[in-house]
Protein backbone atom coordinates (compact mmCIF):
# COMPACT_ATOMS: atom_id res chain seq x y z
CA UNK A 1 59.46 119.97 140.64
CA UNK A 2 62.84 118.56 140.43
CA UNK A 3 64.43 121.74 139.29
CA UNK A 4 67.95 123.12 138.64
CA UNK A 5 69.38 126.93 138.50
CA UNK A 6 71.70 128.24 136.03
CA UNK A 7 73.61 131.44 136.53
CA UNK A 8 74.42 133.05 133.17
CA UNK A 9 78.16 133.72 134.06
CA UNK A 10 79.38 131.26 131.26
CA UNK A 11 79.00 131.66 127.51
CA UNK A 12 75.26 130.83 126.30
CA UNK A 13 76.35 127.90 124.37
CA UNK A 14 77.73 126.21 127.51
CA UNK A 15 74.60 127.01 129.36
CA UNK A 16 72.62 125.43 126.78
CA UNK A 17 74.73 122.30 127.27
CA UNK A 18 74.02 122.42 130.97
CA UNK A 19 70.40 122.58 130.08
CA UNK A 20 70.46 119.55 127.95
CA UNK A 21 72.41 117.61 130.55
CA UNK A 22 70.10 118.60 133.04
CA UNK A 23 67.11 117.24 131.30
CA UNK A 24 68.87 114.05 130.34
CA UNK A 25 69.68 113.76 134.00
CA UNK A 26 65.96 113.85 135.01
CA UNK A 27 65.48 117.55 136.04
CA UNK A 28 62.01 118.83 134.88
CA UNK A 29 62.36 122.62 135.35
CA UNK A 30 65.31 125.00 134.87
CA UNK A 31 65.62 128.51 136.24
CA UNK A 32 68.17 131.13 135.11
CA UNK A 33 69.24 133.57 137.84
CA UNK A 34 68.78 137.37 137.03
CA UNK A 35 71.71 139.84 137.76
CA UNK A 36 72.56 142.83 135.40
CA UNK A 37 76.28 141.72 135.60
CA UNK A 38 75.48 138.32 133.88
CA UNK A 39 74.09 137.52 130.58
CA UNK A 40 70.56 138.27 129.80
CA UNK A 41 68.69 135.23 131.47
CA UNK A 42 65.81 135.43 128.93
CA UNK A 43 68.09 134.87 126.04
CA UNK A 44 69.63 131.80 127.99
CA UNK A 45 66.06 130.43 128.65
CA UNK A 46 64.92 130.70 125.09
CA UNK A 47 67.96 128.80 123.81
CA UNK A 48 67.56 126.16 126.42
CA UNK A 49 63.91 125.67 125.47
CA UNK A 50 64.77 125.41 121.87
CA UNK A 51 67.42 122.75 122.62
CA UNK A 52 65.27 120.64 124.88
CA UNK A 53 61.89 118.70 124.72
CA UNK A 54 60.08 119.00 128.08
CA UNK A 55 62.04 121.21 130.38
CA UNK A 56 60.27 124.04 132.03
CA UNK A 57 62.03 127.23 131.91
CA UNK A 58 61.95 130.52 133.81
CA UNK A 59 63.60 133.40 135.26
CA UNK A 60 64.80 132.44 138.87
CA UNK A 61 64.09 135.04 139.91
CA UNK A 62 63.28 138.12 137.98
CA UNK A 63 62.69 141.55 139.86
CA UNK A 64 60.13 144.20 139.17
CA UNK A 65 62.37 147.14 139.59
CA UNK A 66 65.01 147.19 137.08
CA UNK A 67 62.46 146.18 134.41
CA UNK A 68 58.72 147.59 134.59
CA UNK A 69 56.39 144.68 135.69
CA UNK A 70 54.48 145.04 132.42
CA UNK A 71 57.40 144.39 130.63
CA UNK A 72 58.52 141.70 132.51
CA UNK A 73 55.15 139.83 131.99
CA UNK A 74 55.42 140.45 128.20
CA UNK A 75 58.87 138.83 128.49
CA UNK A 76 57.57 135.76 130.28
CA UNK A 77 54.66 135.66 127.74
CA UNK A 78 56.97 135.47 124.93
CA UNK A 79 59.00 132.75 126.60
CA UNK A 80 55.66 130.93 127.03
CA UNK A 81 55.06 131.16 123.34
CA UNK A 82 58.59 130.31 122.03
CA UNK A 83 58.82 127.33 124.45
CA UNK A 84 55.48 125.90 123.54
CA UNK A 85 53.86 126.45 127.01
CA UNK A 86 56.77 125.60 129.20
CA UNK A 87 57.41 128.99 131.02
CA UNK A 88 57.50 129.36 134.70
CA UNK A 89 57.56 132.97 136.25
CA UNK A 90 59.89 133.12 139.14
CA UNK A 91 59.50 136.68 140.64
CA UNK A 92 60.98 138.23 143.63
CA UNK A 93 62.12 141.49 145.19
CA UNK A 94 65.68 141.05 143.80
CA UNK A 95 69.02 141.49 145.39
CA UNK A 96 69.49 144.62 147.52
CA UNK A 97 73.27 145.28 146.86
CA UNK A 98 73.06 144.76 142.97
CA UNK A 99 69.82 146.75 142.75
CA UNK A 100 71.84 149.63 144.44
CA UNK A 101 74.41 149.56 141.79
CA UNK A 102 71.72 150.60 139.26
CA UNK A 103 70.22 153.20 141.60
CA UNK A 104 67.13 151.36 142.45
CA UNK A 105 65.82 151.00 146.11
CA UNK A 106 63.60 148.18 146.93
CA UNK A 107 60.66 150.26 148.23
CA UNK A 108 57.79 148.22 149.36
CA UNK A 109 59.01 144.98 148.14
CA UNK A 110 56.13 142.66 149.31
CA UNK A 111 53.45 145.21 147.55
CA UNK A 112 55.67 145.42 144.47
CA UNK A 113 55.93 141.60 143.83
CA UNK A 114 52.25 141.03 144.61
CA UNK A 115 51.02 143.88 142.29
CA UNK A 116 53.50 142.63 139.66
CA UNK A 117 52.10 138.97 139.85
CA UNK A 118 48.38 140.15 139.65
CA UNK A 119 48.99 142.47 136.73
CA UNK A 120 50.97 139.86 134.93
CA UNK A 121 48.14 137.25 135.30
CA UNK A 122 45.51 139.82 134.08
CA UNK A 123 47.72 140.72 131.00
CA UNK A 124 48.14 136.90 130.12
CA UNK A 125 44.58 136.46 130.38
CA UNK A 126 43.87 139.15 127.68
CA UNK A 127 42.90 142.02 129.88
CA UNK A 128 43.83 145.57 129.40
CA UNK A 129 45.16 146.95 132.77
CA UNK A 130 44.93 150.26 134.63
CA UNK A 131 47.20 150.26 137.76
CA UNK A 132 48.35 152.87 140.21
CA UNK A 133 50.11 151.44 143.03
CA UNK A 134 53.96 150.77 143.53
CA UNK A 135 53.88 151.30 139.79
CA UNK A 136 51.58 152.68 137.26
CA UNK A 137 50.34 151.26 133.96
CA UNK A 138 47.56 152.93 131.74
CA UNK A 139 45.44 150.83 129.47
CA UNK A 140 48.32 148.17 129.12
CA UNK A 141 47.89 145.03 127.29
CA UNK A 142 49.55 142.41 125.26
CA UNK A 143 48.69 142.35 121.59
CA UNK A 144 49.58 138.59 121.33
CA UNK A 145 47.61 137.30 124.39
CA UNK A 146 45.77 134.89 122.22
CA UNK A 147 49.14 133.40 121.49
CA UNK A 148 49.68 132.28 125.21
CA UNK A 149 46.13 131.08 126.00
CA UNK A 150 44.35 134.38 126.50
CA UNK A 151 42.08 134.10 123.52
CA UNK A 152 40.22 137.09 121.80
CA UNK A 153 39.70 140.06 124.37
CA UNK A 154 36.08 141.14 124.67
CA UNK A 155 34.65 144.28 125.65
CA UNK A 156 33.71 143.09 129.24
CA UNK A 157 37.53 142.03 129.79
CA UNK A 158 38.60 145.46 128.22
CA UNK A 159 36.28 146.86 130.86
CA UNK A 160 37.98 145.08 133.72
CA UNK A 161 35.07 142.85 134.40
CA UNK A 162 36.83 139.59 133.96
CA UNK A 163 38.79 139.79 137.23
CA UNK A 164 38.80 136.06 137.76
CA UNK A 165 40.49 135.30 134.40
CA UNK A 166 43.82 133.40 135.03
CA UNK A 167 46.73 132.20 132.98
CA UNK A 168 48.29 128.73 133.00
CA UNK A 169 51.56 130.29 133.45
CA UNK A 170 52.71 129.35 136.91
CA UNK A 171 54.14 132.15 139.26
CA UNK A 172 56.68 131.09 141.91
CA UNK A 173 57.73 133.68 144.44
CA UNK A 174 61.06 133.98 145.60
CA UNK A 175 61.19 134.35 149.27
CA UNK A 176 63.25 134.40 152.48
CA UNK A 177 61.23 136.65 154.77
CA UNK A 178 58.00 135.70 156.83
CA UNK A 179 55.65 138.32 155.06
CA UNK A 180 56.69 137.36 151.32
CA UNK A 181 56.47 133.73 152.17
CA UNK A 182 53.06 134.04 153.46
CA UNK A 183 52.05 136.10 150.81
CA UNK A 184 53.14 133.56 148.31
CA UNK A 185 51.28 130.87 150.10
CA UNK A 186 48.21 132.89 149.80
CA UNK A 187 48.45 134.14 146.31
CA UNK A 188 51.11 132.33 143.96
CA UNK A 189 51.32 128.90 142.59
CA UNK A 190 54.39 128.23 144.40
CA UNK A 191 57.28 129.76 146.77
CA UNK A 192 60.93 129.32 146.14
CA UNK A 193 62.46 129.53 149.57
CA UNK A 194 66.05 130.67 149.23
CA UNK A 195 67.58 128.84 151.91
CA UNK A 196 69.49 125.43 152.41
CA UNK A 197 69.34 124.56 156.01
CA UNK A 198 66.65 122.42 157.64
CA UNK A 199 66.23 124.82 160.35
CA UNK A 200 65.16 127.48 157.87
CA UNK A 201 62.86 125.35 156.31
CA UNK A 202 61.19 124.16 159.64
CA UNK A 203 60.59 127.90 160.09
CA UNK A 204 59.30 128.50 156.66
CA UNK A 205 57.13 125.69 156.90
CA UNK A 206 55.14 127.36 159.51
CA UNK A 207 54.98 130.65 157.51
CA UNK A 208 53.47 128.75 154.57
CA UNK A 209 51.00 127.06 156.72
CA UNK A 210 49.82 130.66 157.76
CA UNK A 211 49.59 131.73 154.23
CA UNK A 212 47.60 128.71 153.12
CA UNK A 213 45.15 129.13 155.83
CA UNK A 214 44.25 132.41 154.21
CA UNK A 215 44.35 131.34 150.59
CA UNK A 216 41.24 131.97 148.40
CA UNK A 217 39.36 129.05 147.31
CA UNK A 218 39.54 130.34 143.67
CA UNK A 219 43.43 129.78 143.92
CA UNK A 220 43.02 126.07 144.90
CA UNK A 221 43.69 124.28 148.09
CA UNK A 222 46.89 123.58 149.77
CA UNK A 223 47.70 120.90 147.29
CA UNK A 224 47.59 123.42 144.45
CA UNK A 225 50.68 125.27 146.21
CA UNK A 226 54.15 124.10 145.81
CA UNK A 227 56.56 124.83 148.68
CA UNK A 228 59.95 124.49 146.88
CA UNK A 229 63.35 124.54 148.38
CA UNK A 230 65.46 126.80 146.16
CA UNK A 231 68.87 125.83 147.90
CA UNK A 232 72.37 126.75 146.94
CA UNK A 233 74.15 123.40 146.15
CA UNK A 234 77.81 122.45 145.58
CA UNK A 235 78.50 118.73 144.94
CA UNK A 236 82.03 117.12 144.23
CA UNK A 237 83.86 114.06 144.80
CA UNK A 238 85.94 115.77 147.24
CA UNK A 239 84.24 117.77 150.12
CA UNK A 240 86.75 120.58 150.18
CA UNK A 241 86.44 121.19 146.52
CA UNK A 242 82.64 121.52 146.93
CA UNK A 243 82.81 123.91 149.83
CA UNK A 244 85.36 126.11 148.07
CA UNK A 245 83.17 126.33 144.86
CA UNK A 246 80.24 127.39 147.12
CA UNK A 247 81.92 130.67 148.25
CA UNK A 248 80.58 132.97 145.43
CA UNK A 249 76.86 132.29 145.89
CA UNK A 250 77.19 132.08 149.61
CA UNK A 251 78.68 135.62 149.67
CA UNK A 252 75.58 137.00 147.80
CA UNK A 253 73.09 134.91 150.11
CA UNK A 254 74.97 136.08 153.28
CA UNK A 255 74.86 139.79 152.29
CA UNK A 256 71.18 139.61 151.42
CA UNK A 257 70.05 137.70 154.52
CA UNK A 258 67.77 139.34 157.07
CA UNK A 259 68.91 139.79 160.58
CA UNK A 260 66.82 137.04 162.03
CA UNK A 261 68.18 134.53 159.52
CA UNK A 262 71.90 135.36 160.48
CA UNK A 263 70.80 135.07 164.18
CA UNK A 264 69.37 131.58 163.48
CA UNK A 265 72.82 130.43 162.48
CA UNK A 266 74.96 132.43 164.64
CA UNK A 267 76.39 134.62 161.97
CA UNK A 268 77.39 138.29 163.09
CA UNK A 269 75.46 140.73 160.95
CA UNK A 270 78.54 142.83 160.75
CA UNK A 271 80.34 140.33 158.79
CA UNK A 272 77.53 139.91 156.51
CA UNK A 273 77.32 143.73 156.01
CA UNK A 274 81.05 143.60 155.15
CA UNK A 275 80.50 141.16 152.48
CA UNK A 276 77.57 143.10 151.08
CA UNK A 277 79.70 146.37 150.89
CA UNK A 278 82.54 144.46 148.89
CA UNK A 279 79.91 143.25 146.48
CA UNK A 280 78.34 146.61 146.08
CA UNK A 281 81.77 148.14 145.27
CA UNK A 282 82.64 145.52 142.82
CA UNK A 283 85.26 143.85 145.03
CA UNK A 284 84.01 140.38 144.44
CA UNK A 285 87.29 138.67 145.53
CA UNK A 286 87.32 140.18 148.72
CA UNK A 287 83.74 139.40 149.23
CA UNK A 288 84.34 135.82 148.61
CA UNK A 289 87.25 135.45 150.76
CA UNK A 290 85.15 136.89 153.61
CA UNK A 291 82.64 133.87 153.62
CA UNK A 292 83.25 131.76 156.78
CA UNK A 293 82.70 127.97 157.12
CA UNK A 294 79.78 128.93 159.28
CA UNK A 295 78.24 130.70 156.35
CA UNK A 296 78.79 127.83 154.05
CA UNK A 297 77.28 125.61 156.53
CA UNK A 298 74.24 127.84 156.79
CA UNK A 299 73.63 128.72 153.14
CA UNK A 300 74.91 125.97 151.05
CA UNK A 301 74.43 122.14 150.68
CA UNK A 302 78.12 121.47 150.08
CA UNK A 303 79.75 118.19 149.97
CA UNK A 304 80.13 114.84 148.30
CA UNK A 305 76.99 113.26 146.73
CA UNK A 306 76.31 111.19 149.98
CA UNK A 307 76.80 114.21 152.08
CA UNK A 308 74.35 116.36 149.87
CA UNK A 309 71.92 113.74 149.83
CA UNK A 310 71.51 113.60 153.67
CA UNK A 311 71.34 117.35 153.82
CA UNK A 312 68.61 117.45 150.96
CA UNK A 313 66.71 114.81 152.67
CA UNK A 314 66.43 117.02 155.92
CA UNK A 315 65.35 119.86 153.69
CA UNK A 316 62.55 117.57 152.09
CA UNK A 317 61.15 116.84 155.33
CA UNK A 318 59.50 120.20 155.15
CA UNK A 319 59.49 121.31 151.57
CA UNK A 320 57.34 119.67 148.78
CA UNK A 321 60.09 120.04 145.97
CA UNK A 322 63.61 120.91 145.33
CA UNK A 323 65.61 123.36 143.06
CA UNK A 324 69.19 122.80 143.18
CA UNK A 325 70.86 126.44 142.83
CA UNK A 326 74.31 127.68 141.88
CA UNK A 327 77.22 126.83 142.01
CA UNK A 328 76.28 123.17 141.62
CA UNK A 329 79.91 122.15 141.79
CA UNK A 330 83.33 122.98 140.48
CA UNK A 331 82.76 120.99 137.14
CA UNK A 332 79.44 122.06 135.57
CA UNK A 333 78.72 118.57 133.76
CA UNK A 334 79.85 116.56 136.38
CA UNK A 335 78.11 118.63 138.81
CA UNK A 336 74.63 118.06 137.22
CA UNK A 337 75.26 114.22 137.35
CA UNK A 338 76.28 114.40 140.82
CA UNK A 339 73.33 116.58 142.05
CA UNK A 340 70.95 114.08 140.35
CA UNK A 341 72.52 111.27 141.87
CA UNK A 342 72.11 112.96 145.30
CA UNK A 343 68.42 113.76 144.49
CA UNK A 344 68.09 109.99 143.62
CA UNK A 345 69.19 108.81 147.07
CA UNK A 346 66.35 110.88 148.76
CA UNK A 347 63.56 109.35 146.67
C-alpha cells in the first residue's frame, strides 16, 4: 500500500482536489481522519471516490464509541457499494481527549475494536448478529448485504452457522500499544501503526511477529497481513516550514502517546499531559505552541523531500507499506507531490 491521509479540516471540494492529486501522484489508498470537530469523513470519502478511478478509500480511523459498531459497519458497507468495491475499513479506539469532549470513556478498547471488527465482517457476509459484549446488538443485519458481496442470506446464516463467512472489505486496525498491535496481527488484514520514528517501528515489528505467530490459518499466513506505517509527514522545500506545519498533528499524537512511547523518546509525560489538557479544553493554539522540537523529531517525518526520504527509508526497514499522514506540508498540492517524490526515492 502507498497511502495518504486527509484531515477534513478544509472545504470538501478542496479535499476532493487533493484526492485527485494523490491518485495522479501514484497513491493507491486514501484515508480520511475521523474527529467530530472536522467535516464528516464519510462524505469526504464518497466524494473522493466519485472523482477518482482506482483509489481505495476508507476512514482512518473510525472509532466504535461515538458511533455504534453496527452503524459503522453499515457506513463502511455503503462506501463499498458507492465506490464500486474500493472501501477499506480503518478501525481504532479513537483519540482519548476528543472522545472525552463527547462524554465517552474508552472502556476496554482492545475488546471493543476486536468485537467491532468481527461483527462488521459477519454483517458484510450477510449474517444477522446477536452480540452481548462491550456493546449489544440483537438480530442486527444489513438489508443490502447482497450489494456488497454478501449474497442472499439463507436460514443457516440467519442461525449463525456460517461463522467462517468473510467479506472482501479489508480491515486495518489503528494501533500504538503492544496489545492492539498483536491483536491486529492475529485477526485483521493489516495494522496502521501510528508512529513516525524507526525506533518505534523496530519495537512494533516485534509485536507484529508475536501476533502473527498466533494468527489462525483461516486468516491467511503472514503474507496476507500488511504491517503499515501510518506516519505523520510534513514535507516542504524548507526544513523550518515543514517542521512548523507539523505542530498540530504532533500535538494530538503527543497527547495520546502511551508512557512507554514517551519514555522511548525522552519526552516528559507532564509536557504531553499539558498538551492533552489544552486540546480537551479547546485551547488549540496553546496546545500547538507547547509542542517541542523533540516531539516533532519523535512523532513526525518533517523536512525537505531528501530528508523525508531518508527517514521513510528507515521506517520501511520494518514496515511493509507506508501511509503519509497529516499535515503533509504547508501547501496541500505541493505537499502531495513532494511526499510522492520522497516515496519515489525509497523505491
